[in-house]
Amino acid sequence: MLVLLLILIVVLFGFGFLDPLWWVAAALLVYGVTRHGRDRGGGRSRRGGSDLGDYRAYQERRSRRERWDRRYNRQHRARRRREDRRDHEHHR
């Protein structure tokens, strides 16, 4: 498919020497192919593609989870120690 598109672009560019309207058609085809390829994940876009956005979202979720875990662990550390001591004394 890509080869056919390249051939079509070259032919349209060649016809552009006869009528400049064909150059416009070739330019629109190139633009359409590159935009369509980016939208379907055909390559990295320069504007911060979905891969980068997904990774940033992942980092934010991970950092929120780590903050929550640290906060929860600090707040309940003493209670867990008491429970562990009771369990340890109870099993003796």
PDB file of N, CA and C in Angstrom:
ATOM      1  N   MET A   1       0.826  -1.194   0.000  1.00  0.00           N
ATOM      2  CA  MET A   1       0.000   0.000   0.000  1.00  0.00           C
ATOM      3  C   MET A   1       0.872   1.260   0.000  1.00  0.00           C
ATOM      4  N   LEU A   2       1.924   1.222   0.816  1.00  0.00           N
ATOM      5  CA  LEU A   2       2.819   2.374   0.895  1.00  0.00           C
ATOM      6  C   LEU A   2       3.515   2.618  -0.443  1.00  0.00           C
ATOM      7  N   VAL A   3       3.877   1.534  -1.126  1.00  0.00           N
ATOM      8  CA  VAL A   3       4.536   1.667  -2.426  1.00  0.00           C
ATOM      9  C   VAL A   3       3.582   2.315  -3.433  1.00  0.00           C
ATOM     10  N   LEU A   4       2.322   1.897  -3.407  1.00  0.00           N
ATOM     11  CA  LEU A   4       1.346   2.491  -4.333  1.00  0.00           C
ATOM     12  C   LEU A   4       1.153   3.982  -4.043  1.00  0.00           C
ATOM     13  N   LEU A   5       1.123   4.346  -2.795  1.00  0.00           N
ATOM     14  CA  LEU A   5       0.989   5.761  -2.443  1.00  0.00           C
ATOM     15  C   LEU A   5       2.198   6.566  -2.905  1.00  0.00           C
ATOM     16  N   LEU A   6       3.375   5.992  -2.729  1.00  0.00           N
ATOM     17  CA  LEU A   6       4.579   6.688  -3.182  1.00  0.00           C
ATOM     18  C   LEU A   6       4.582   6.873  -4.697  1.00  0.00           C
ATOM     19  N   ILE A   7       4.168   5.836  -5.418  1.00  0.00           N
ATOM     20  CA  ILE A   7       4.085   5.936  -6.883  1.00  0.00           C
ATOM     21  C   ILE A   7       3.074   7.002  -7.282  1.00  0.00           C
ATOM     22  N   LEU A   8       1.924   7.015  -6.603  1.00  0.00           N
ATOM     23  CA  LEU A   8       0.896   8.012  -6.904  1.00  0.00           C
ATOM     24  C   LEU A   8       1.412   9.432  -6.636  1.00  0.00           C
ATOM     25  N   ILE A   9       2.135   9.607  -5.558  1.00  0.00           N
ATOM     26  CA  ILE A   9       2.691  10.928  -5.241  1.00  0.00           C
ATOM     27  C   ILE A   9       3.690  11.357  -6.309  1.00  0.00           C
ATOM     28  N   VAL A  10       4.546  10.435  -6.738  1.00  0.00           N
ATOM     29  CA  VAL A  10       5.531  10.758  -7.782  1.00  0.00           C
ATOM     30  C   VAL A  10       4.837  11.112  -9.096  1.00  0.00           C
ATOM     31  N   VAL A  11       3.806  10.362  -9.465  1.00  0.00           N
ATOM     32  CA  VAL A  11       3.066  10.629 -10.707  1.00  0.00           C
ATOM     33  C   VAL A  11       2.388  11.994 -10.632  1.00  0.00           C
ATOM     34  N   LEU A  12       1.753  12.274  -9.484  1.00  0.00           N
ATOM     35  CA  LEU A  12       1.102  13.579  -9.337  1.00  0.00           C
ATOM     36  C   LEU A  12       2.118  14.710  -9.388  1.00  0.00           C
ATOM     37  N   PHE A  13       3.281  14.493  -8.776  1.00  0.00           N
ATOM     38  CA  PHE A  13       4.327  15.505  -8.837  1.00  0.00           C
ATOM     39  C   PHE A  13       4.802  15.719 -10.279  1.00  0.00           C
ATOM     40  N   GLY A  14       4.920  14.625 -11.017  1.00  0.00           N
ATOM     41  CA  GLY A  14       5.312  14.716 -12.426  1.00  0.00           C
ATOM     42  C   GLY A  14       4.284  15.473 -13.252  1.00  0.00           C
ATOM     43  N   PHE A  15       2.991  15.215 -13.009  1.00  0.00           N
ATOM     44  CA  PHE A  15       1.947  15.947 -13.725  1.00  0.00           C
ATOM     45  C   PHE A  15       1.946  17.425 -13.348  1.00  0.00           C
ATOM     46  N   GLY A  16       2.538  17.742 -12.202  1.00  0.00           N
ATOM     47  CA  GLY A  16       2.604  19.132 -11.759  1.00  0.00           C
ATOM     48  C   GLY A  16       3.370  20.019 -12.707  1.00  0.00           C
ATOM     49  N   PHE A  17       4.274  19.440 -13.521  1.00  0.00           N
ATOM     50  CA  PHE A  17       4.987  20.242 -14.509  1.00  0.00           C
ATOM     51  C   PHE A  17       4.051  20.672 -15.647  1.00  0.00           C
ATOM     52  N   LEU A  18       2.959  19.902 -15.851  1.00  0.00           N
ATOM     53  CA  LEU A  18       1.968  20.272 -16.858  1.00  0.00           C
ATOM     54  C   LEU A  18       0.960  21.278 -16.302  1.00  0.00           C
ATOM     55  N   ASP A  19       0.537  21.017 -15.073  1.00  0.00           N
ATOM     56  CA  ASP A  19      -0.461  21.891 -14.445  1.00  0.00           C
ATOM     57  C   ASP A  19      -0.166  21.932 -12.939  1.00  0.00           C
ATOM     58  N   PRO A  20       0.095  23.098 -12.382  1.00  0.00           N
ATOM     59  CA  PRO A  20       0.460  23.201 -10.958  1.00  0.00           C
ATOM     60  C   PRO A  20      -0.613  22.677 -10.007  1.00  0.00           C
ATOM     61  N   LEU A  21      -1.832  22.504 -10.494  1.00  0.00           N
ATOM     62  CA  LEU A  21      -2.889  21.953  -9.643  1.00  0.00           C
ATOM     63  C   LEU A  21      -2.539  20.537  -9.178  1.00  0.00           C
ATOM     64  N   TRP A  22      -1.796  19.786 -10.010  1.00  0.00           N
ATOM     65  CA  TRP A  22      -1.392  18.424  -9.620  1.00  0.00           C
ATOM     66  C   TRP A  22      -0.402  18.471  -8.446  1.00  0.00           C
ATOM     67  N   TRP A  23       0.420  19.521  -8.363  1.00  0.00           N
ATOM     68  CA  TRP A  23       1.324  19.647  -7.218  1.00  0.00           C
ATOM     69  C   TRP A  23       0.525  19.837  -5.927  1.00  0.00           C
ATOM     70  N   VAL A  24      -0.536  20.597  -6.050  1.00  0.00           N
ATOM     71  CA  VAL A  24      -1.409  20.791  -4.885  1.00  0.00           C
ATOM     72  C   VAL A  24      -2.026  19.455  -4.483  1.00  0.00           C
ATOM     73  N   ALA A  25      -2.469  18.679  -5.475  1.00  0.00           N
ATOM     74  CA  ALA A  25      -3.057  17.366  -5.185  1.00  0.00           C
ATOM     75  C   ALA A  25      -2.023  16.449  -4.525  1.00  0.00           C
ATOM     76  N   ALA A  26      -0.790  16.470  -5.024  1.00  0.00           N
ATOM     77  CA  ALA A  26       0.262  15.636  -4.435  1.00  0.00           C
ATOM     78  C   ALA A  26       0.557  16.080  -3.005  1.00  0.00           C
ATOM     79  N   ALA A  27       0.596  17.391  -2.785  1.00  0.00           N
ATOM     80  CA  ALA A  27       0.866  17.903  -1.432  1.00  0.00           C
ATOM     81  C   ALA A  27      -0.257  17.507  -0.477  1.00  0.00           C
ATOM     82  N   LEU A  28      -1.502  17.598  -0.936  1.00  0.00           N
ATOM     83  CA  LEU A  28      -2.628  17.190  -0.083  1.00  0.00           C
ATOM     84  C   LEU A  28      -2.586  15.693   0.219  1.00  0.00           C
ATOM     85  N   LEU A  29      -2.189  14.903  -0.754  1.00  0.00           N
ATOM     86  CA  LEU A  29      -2.076  13.463  -0.537  1.00  0.00           C
ATOM     87  C   LEU A  29      -0.989  13.153   0.491  1.00  0.00           C
ATOM     88  N   VAL A  30       0.143  13.817   0.362  1.00  0.00           N
ATOM     89  CA  VAL A  30       1.231  13.611   1.334  1.00  0.00           C
ATOM     90  C   VAL A  30       0.770  14.013   2.727  1.00  0.00           C
ATOM     91  N   TYR A  31       0.103  15.162   2.815  1.00  0.00           N
ATOM     92  CA  TYR A  31      -0.400  15.631   4.113  1.00  0.00           C
ATOM     93  C   TYR A  31      -1.395  14.637   4.697  1.00  0.00           C
ATOM     94  N   GLY A  32      -2.321  14.176   3.867  1.00  0.00           N
ATOM     95  CA  GLY A  32      -3.320  13.217   4.348  1.00  0.00           C
ATOM     96  C   GLY A  32      -2.713  11.911   4.812  1.00  0.00           C
ATOM     97  N   VAL A  33      -1.724  11.421   4.081  1.00  0.00           N
ATOM     98  CA  VAL A  33      -1.078  10.161   4.460  1.00  0.00           C
ATOM     99  C   VAL A  33      -0.326  10.322   5.778  1.00  0.00           C
ATOM    100  N   THR A  34       0.384  11.420   5.943  1.00  0.00           N
ATOM    101  CA  THR A  34       1.144  11.596   7.185  1.00  0.00           C
ATOM    102  C   THR A  34       0.218  11.811   8.370  1.00  0.00           C
ATOM    103  N   ARG A  35      -0.861  12.551   8.210  1.00  0.00           N
ATOM    104  CA  ARG A  35      -1.803  12.750   9.316  1.00  0.00           C
ATOM    105  C   ARG A  35      -2.497  11.447   9.667  1.00  0.00           C
ATOM    106  N   HIS A  36      -2.898  10.696   8.669  1.00  0.00           N
ATOM    107  CA  HIS A  36      -3.591   9.427   8.896  1.00  0.00           C
ATOM    108  C   HIS A  36      -2.649   8.446   9.597  1.00  0.00           C
ATOM    109  N   GLY A  37      -1.395   8.432   9.220  1.00  0.00           N
ATOM    110  CA  GLY A  37      -0.419   7.552   9.857  1.00  0.00           C
ATOM    111  C   GLY A  37      -0.200   7.902  11.312  1.00  0.00           C
ATOM    112  N   ARG A  38      -0.187   9.177  11.647  1.00  0.00           N
ATOM    113  CA  ARG A  38      -0.002   9.591  13.041  1.00  0.00           C
ATOM    114  C   ARG A  38      -1.217   9.256  13.879  1.00  0.00           C
ATOM    115  N   ASP A  39      -2.400   9.457  13.325  1.00  0.00           N
ATOM    116  CA  ASP A  39      -3.619   9.198  14.078  1.00  0.00           C
ATOM    117  C   ASP A  39      -3.788   7.720  14.395  1.00  0.00           C
ATOM    118  N   ARG A  40      -3.285   6.866  13.543  1.00  0.00           N
ATOM    119  CA  ARG A  40      -3.419   5.430  13.768  1.00  0.00           C
ATOM    120  C   ARG A  40      -2.251   4.852  14.524  1.00  0.00           C
ATOM    121  N   GLY A  41      -1.371   5.664  15.013  1.00  0.00           N
ATOM    122  CA  GLY A  41      -0.220   5.168  15.747  1.00  0.00           C
ATOM    123  C   GLY A  41       0.865   4.658  14.833  1.00  0.00           C
ATOM    124  N   GLY A  42       0.932   5.149  13.620  1.00  0.00           N
ATOM    125  CA  GLY A  42       1.910   4.689  12.662  1.00  0.00           C
ATOM    126  C   GLY A  42       3.303   5.230  12.921  1.00  0.00           C
ATOM    127  N   GLY A  43       3.457   6.060  13.875  1.00  0.00           N
ATOM    128  CA  GLY A  43       4.766   6.614  14.195  1.00  0.00           C
ATOM    129  C   GLY A  43       4.631   7.639  15.290  1.00  0.00           C
ATOM    130  N   ARG A  44       5.772   8.107  15.741  1.00  0.00           N
ATOM    131  CA  ARG A  44       5.733   9.114  16.788  1.00  0.00           C
ATOM    132  C   ARG A  44       5.415  10.468  16.192  1.00  0.00           C
ATOM    133  N   SER A  45       4.468  11.129  16.787  1.00  0.00           N
ATOM    134  CA  SER A  45       4.191  12.487  16.340  1.00  0.00           C
ATOM    135  C   SER A  45       5.091  13.442  17.108  1.00  0.00           C
ATOM    136  N   ARG A  46       5.262  14.606  16.578  1.00  0.00           N
ATOM    137  CA  ARG A  46       6.157  15.575  17.202  1.00  0.00           C
ATOM    138  C   ARG A  46       5.476  16.338  18.309  1.00  0.00           C
ATOM    139  N   ARG A  47       4.170  16.227  18.422  1.00  0.00           N
ATOM    140  CA  ARG A  47       3.441  17.032  19.382  1.00  0.00           C
ATOM    141  C   ARG A  47       3.199  16.297  20.695  1.00  0.00           C
ATOM    142  N   GLY A  48       3.967  15.292  21.037  1.00  0.00           N
ATOM    143  CA  GLY A  48       3.734  14.568  22.271  1.00  0.00           C
ATOM    144  C   GLY A  48       2.677  13.513  22.042  1.00  0.00           C
ATOM    145  N   GLY A  49       3.069  12.437  21.448  1.00  0.00           N
ATOM    146  CA  GLY A  49       2.127  11.420  21.025  1.00  0.00           C
ATOM    147  C   GLY A  49       1.484  10.691  22.180  1.00  0.00           C
ATOM    148  N   SER A  50       0.621   9.763  21.850  1.00  0.00           N
ATOM    149  CA  SER A  50      -0.133   9.049  22.866  1.00  0.00           C
ATOM    150  C   SER A  50       0.783   8.193  23.732  1.00  0.00           C
ATOM    151  N   ASP A  51       1.904   7.720  23.184  1.00  0.00           N
ATOM    152  CA  ASP A  51       2.815   6.928  24.006  1.00  0.00           C
ATOM    153  C   ASP A  51       3.343   7.752  25.161  1.00  0.00           C
ATOM    154  N   LEU A  52       3.739   8.973  24.864  1.00  0.00           N
ATOM    155  CA  LEU A  52       4.248   9.848  25.907  1.00  0.00           C
ATOM    156  C   LEU A  52       3.138  10.211  26.888  1.00  0.00           C
ATOM    157  N   GLY A  53       1.960  10.468  26.391  1.00  0.00           N
ATOM    158  CA  GLY A  53       0.821  10.773  27.260  1.00  0.00           C
ATOM    159  C   GLY A  53       0.468   9.607  28.149  1.00  0.00           C
ATOM    160  N   ASP A  54       0.489   8.393  27.598  1.00  0.00           N
ATOM    161  CA  ASP A  54       0.209   7.206  28.401  1.00  0.00           C
ATOM    162  C   ASP A  54       1.254   7.035  29.483  1.00  0.00           C
ATOM    163  N   TYR A  55       2.511   7.279  29.146  1.00  0.00           N
ATOM    164  CA  TYR A  55       3.572   7.122  30.133  1.00  0.00           C
ATOM    165  C   TYR A  55       3.442   8.165  31.241  1.00  0.00           C
ATOM    166  N   ARG A  56       3.100   9.387  30.864  1.00  0.00           N
ATOM    167  CA  ARG A  56       2.916  10.426  31.886  1.00  0.00           C
ATOM    168  C   ARG A  56       1.759  10.076  32.805  1.00  0.00           C
ATOM    169  N   ALA A  57       0.664   9.571  32.248  1.00  0.00           N
ATOM    170  CA  ALA A  57      -0.479   9.163  33.068  1.00  0.00           C
ATOM    171  C   ALA A  57      -0.070   8.033  34.005  1.00  0.00           C
ATOM    172  N   TYR A  58       0.722   7.092  33.491  1.00  0.00           N
ATOM    173  CA  TYR A  58       1.218   5.997  34.320  1.00  0.00           C
ATOM    174  C   TYR A  58       2.081   6.532  35.454  1.00  0.00           C
ATOM    175  N   GLN A  59       2.976   7.483  35.153  1.00  0.00           N
ATOM    176  CA  GLN A  59       3.832   8.059  36.191  1.00  0.00           C
ATOM    177  C   GLN A  59       3.007   8.770  37.251  1.00  0.00           C
ATOM    178  N   GLU A  60       1.994   9.503  36.834  1.00  0.00           N
ATOM    179  CA  GLU A  60       1.146  10.204  37.799  1.00  0.00           C
ATOM    180  C   GLU A  60       0.408   9.225  38.693  1.00  0.00           C
ATOM    181  N   ARG A  61      -0.152   8.160  38.103  1.00  0.00           N
ATOM    182  CA  ARG A  61      -0.845   7.153  38.922  1.00  0.00           C
ATOM    183  C   ARG A  61       0.108   6.503  39.905  1.00  0.00           C
ATOM    184  N   ARG A  62       1.321   6.184  39.429  1.00  0.00           N
ATOM    185  CA  ARG A  62       2.299   5.533  40.293  1.00  0.00           C
ATOM    186  C   ARG A  62       2.731   6.454  41.432  1.00  0.00           C
ATOM    187  N   SER A  63       2.971   7.721  41.132  1.00  0.00           N
ATOM    188  CA  SER A  63       3.402   8.633  42.185  1.00  0.00           C
ATOM    189  C   SER A  63       2.281   8.882  43.194  1.00  0.00           C
ATOM    190  N   ARG A  64       1.025   8.980  42.712  1.00  0.00           N
ATOM    191  CA  ARG A  64      -0.097   9.120  43.650  1.00  0.00           C
ATOM    192  C   ARG A  64      -0.208   7.910  44.550  1.00  0.00           C
ATOM    193  N   ARG A  65      -0.043   6.736  43.985  1.00  0.00           N
ATOM    194  CA  ARG A  65      -0.122   5.499  44.775  1.00  0.00           C
ATOM    195  C   ARG A  65       1.003   5.441  45.808  1.00  0.00           C
ATOM    196  N   GLU A  66       2.208   5.816  45.405  1.00  0.00           N
ATOM    197  CA  GLU A  66       3.330   5.814  46.347  1.00  0.00           C
ATOM    198  C   GLU A  66       3.109   6.817  47.473  1.00  0.00           C
ATOM    199  N   ARG A  67       2.596   8.007  47.138  1.00  0.00           N
ATOM    200  CA  ARG A  67       2.312   9.002  48.182  1.00  0.00           C
ATOM    201  C   ARG A  67       1.261   8.476  49.151  1.00  0.00           C
ATOM    202  N   TRP A  68       0.212   7.856  48.618  1.00  0.00           N
ATOM    203  CA  TRP A  68      -0.833   7.313  49.464  1.00  0.00           C
ATOM    204  C   TRP A  68      -0.271   6.218  50.368  1.00  0.00           C
ATOM    205  N   ASP A  69       0.550   5.333  49.777  1.00  0.00           N
ATOM    206  CA  ASP A  69       1.141   4.261  50.577  1.00  0.00           C
ATOM    207  C   ASP A  69       2.019   4.817  51.700  1.00  0.00           C
ATOM    208  N   ARG A  70       2.837   5.823  51.389  1.00  0.00           N
ATOM    209  CA  ARG A  70       3.684   6.416  52.428  1.00  0.00           C
ATOM    210  C   ARG A  70       2.843   7.044  53.530  1.00  0.00           C
ATOM    211  N   ARG A  71       1.813   7.783  53.154  1.00  0.00           N
ATOM    212  CA  ARG A  71       0.951   8.434  54.136  1.00  0.00           C
ATOM    213  C   ARG A  71       0.245   7.395  54.991  1.00  0.00           C
ATOM    214  N   TYR A  72      -0.311   6.379  54.352  1.00  0.00           N
ATOM    215  CA  TYR A  72      -1.036   5.347  55.086  1.00  0.00           C
ATOM    216  C   TYR A  72      -0.095   4.610  56.022  1.00  0.00           C
ATOM    217  N   ASN A  73       1.104   4.296  55.536  1.00  0.00           N
ATOM    218  CA  ASN A  73       2.057   3.571  56.377  1.00  0.00           C
ATOM    219  C   ASN A  73       2.462   4.400  57.583  1.00  0.00           C
ATOM    220  N   ARG A  74       2.674   5.701  57.422  1.00  0.00           N
ATOM    221  CA  ARG A  74       3.052   6.550  58.552  1.00  0.00           C
ATOM    222  C   ARG A  74       1.926   6.636  59.566  1.00  0.00           C
ATOM    223  N   GLN A  75       0.715   6.798  59.110  1.00  0.00           N
ATOM    224  CA  GLN A  75      -0.411   6.998  60.009  1.00  0.00           C
ATOM    225  C   GLN A  75      -0.749   5.742  60.801  1.00  0.00           C
ATOM    226  N   HIS A  76      -0.534   4.599  60.227  1.00  0.00           N
ATOM    227  CA  HIS A  76      -1.003   3.369  60.866  1.00  0.00           C
ATOM    228  C   HIS A  76       0.131   2.456  61.332  1.00  0.00           C
ATOM    229  N   ARG A  77       1.336   2.980  61.327  1.00  0.00           N
ATOM    230  CA  ARG A  77       2.476   2.172  61.744  1.00  0.00           C
ATOM    231  C   ARG A  77       2.343   1.718  63.195  1.00  0.00           C
ATOM    232  N   ALA A  78       1.971   2.628  64.101  1.00  0.00           N
ATOM    233  CA  ALA A  78       1.852   2.295  65.526  1.00  0.00           C
ATOM    234  C   ALA A  78       0.744   1.277  65.747  1.00  0.00           C
ATOM    235  N   ARG A  79      -0.376   1.445  65.086  1.00  0.00           N
ATOM    236  CA  ARG A  79      -1.481   0.494  65.253  1.00  0.00           C
ATOM    237  C   ARG A  79      -1.073  -0.897  64.790  1.00  0.00           C
ATOM    238  N   ARG A  80      -0.364  -0.978  63.677  1.00  0.00           N
ATOM    239  CA  ARG A  80       0.079  -2.293  63.180  1.00  0.00           C
ATOM    240  C   ARG A  80       1.062  -2.933  64.146  1.00  0.00           C
ATOM    241  N   ARG A  81       1.961  -2.130  64.717  1.00  0.00           N
ATOM    242  CA  ARG A  81       2.905  -2.696  65.690  1.00  0.00           C
ATOM    243  C   ARG A  81       2.179  -3.257  66.904  1.00  0.00           C
ATOM    244  N   ARG A  82       1.163  -2.517  67.405  1.00  0.00           N
ATOM    245  CA  ARG A  82       0.398  -3.030  68.557  1.00  0.00           C
ATOM    246  C   ARG A  82      -0.296  -4.334  68.202  1.00  0.00           C
ATOM    247  N   GLU A  83      -0.916  -4.364  67.018  1.00  0.00           N
ATOM    248  CA  GLU A  83      -1.599  -5.588  66.602  1.00  0.00           C
ATOM    249  C   GLU A  83      -0.624  -6.740  66.441  1.00  0.00           C
ATOM    250  N   ASP A  84       0.542  -6.476  65.893  1.00  0.00           N
ATOM    251  CA  ASP A  84       1.540  -7.530  65.736  1.00  0.00           C
ATOM    252  C   ASP A  84       2.000  -8.051  67.091  1.00  0.00           C
ATOM    253  N   ARG A  85       2.199  -7.132  68.047  1.00  0.00           N
ATOM    254  CA  ARG A  85       2.604  -7.568  69.389  1.00  0.00           C
ATOM    255  C   ARG A  85       1.532  -8.423  70.021  1.00  0.00           C
ATOM    256  N   ARG A  86       0.270  -7.987  69.906  1.00  0.00           N
ATOM    257  CA  ARG A  86      -0.832  -8.787  70.482  1.00  0.00           C
ATOM    258  C   ARG A  86      -0.884 -10.170  69.844  1.00  0.00           C
ATOM    259  N   ASP A  87      -0.763 -10.211  68.519  1.00  0.00           N
ATOM    260  CA  ASP A  87      -0.790 -11.514  67.843  1.00  0.00           C
ATOM    261  C   ASP A  87       0.363 -12.384  68.291  1.00  0.00           C
ATOM    262  N   HIS A  88       1.530 -11.776  68.432  1.00  0.00           N
ATOM    263  CA  HIS A  88       2.724 -12.531  68.838  1.00  0.00           C
ATOM    264  C   HIS A  88       2.564 -13.040  70.282  1.00  0.00           C
ATOM    265  N   GLU A  89       2.037 -12.199  71.182  1.00  0.00           N
ATOM    266  CA  GLU A  89       1.832 -12.617  72.573  1.00  0.00           C
ATOM    267  C   GLU A  89       0.714 -13.637  72.671  1.00  0.00           C
ATOM    268  N   HIS A  90      -0.278 -13.512  71.862  1.00  0.00           N
ATOM    269  CA  HIS A  90      -1.419 -14.416  71.909  1.00  0.00           C
ATOM    270  C   HIS A  90      -1.048 -15.822  71.456  1.00  0.00           C
ATOM    271  N   HIS A  91      -0.121 -15.948  70.529  1.00  0.00           N
ATOM    272  CA  HIS A  91       0.262 -17.239  70.005  1.00  0.00           C
ATOM    273  C   HIS A  91       1.279 -17.957  70.879  1.00  0.00           C
ATOM    274  N   ARG A  92       1.800 -17.319  71.873  1.00  0.00           N
ATOM    275  CA  ARG A  92       2.783 -17.987  72.744  1.00  0.00           C
ATOM    276  C   ARG A  92       2.160 -18.935  73.673  1.00  0.00           C
TER     277      ARG A  92
END
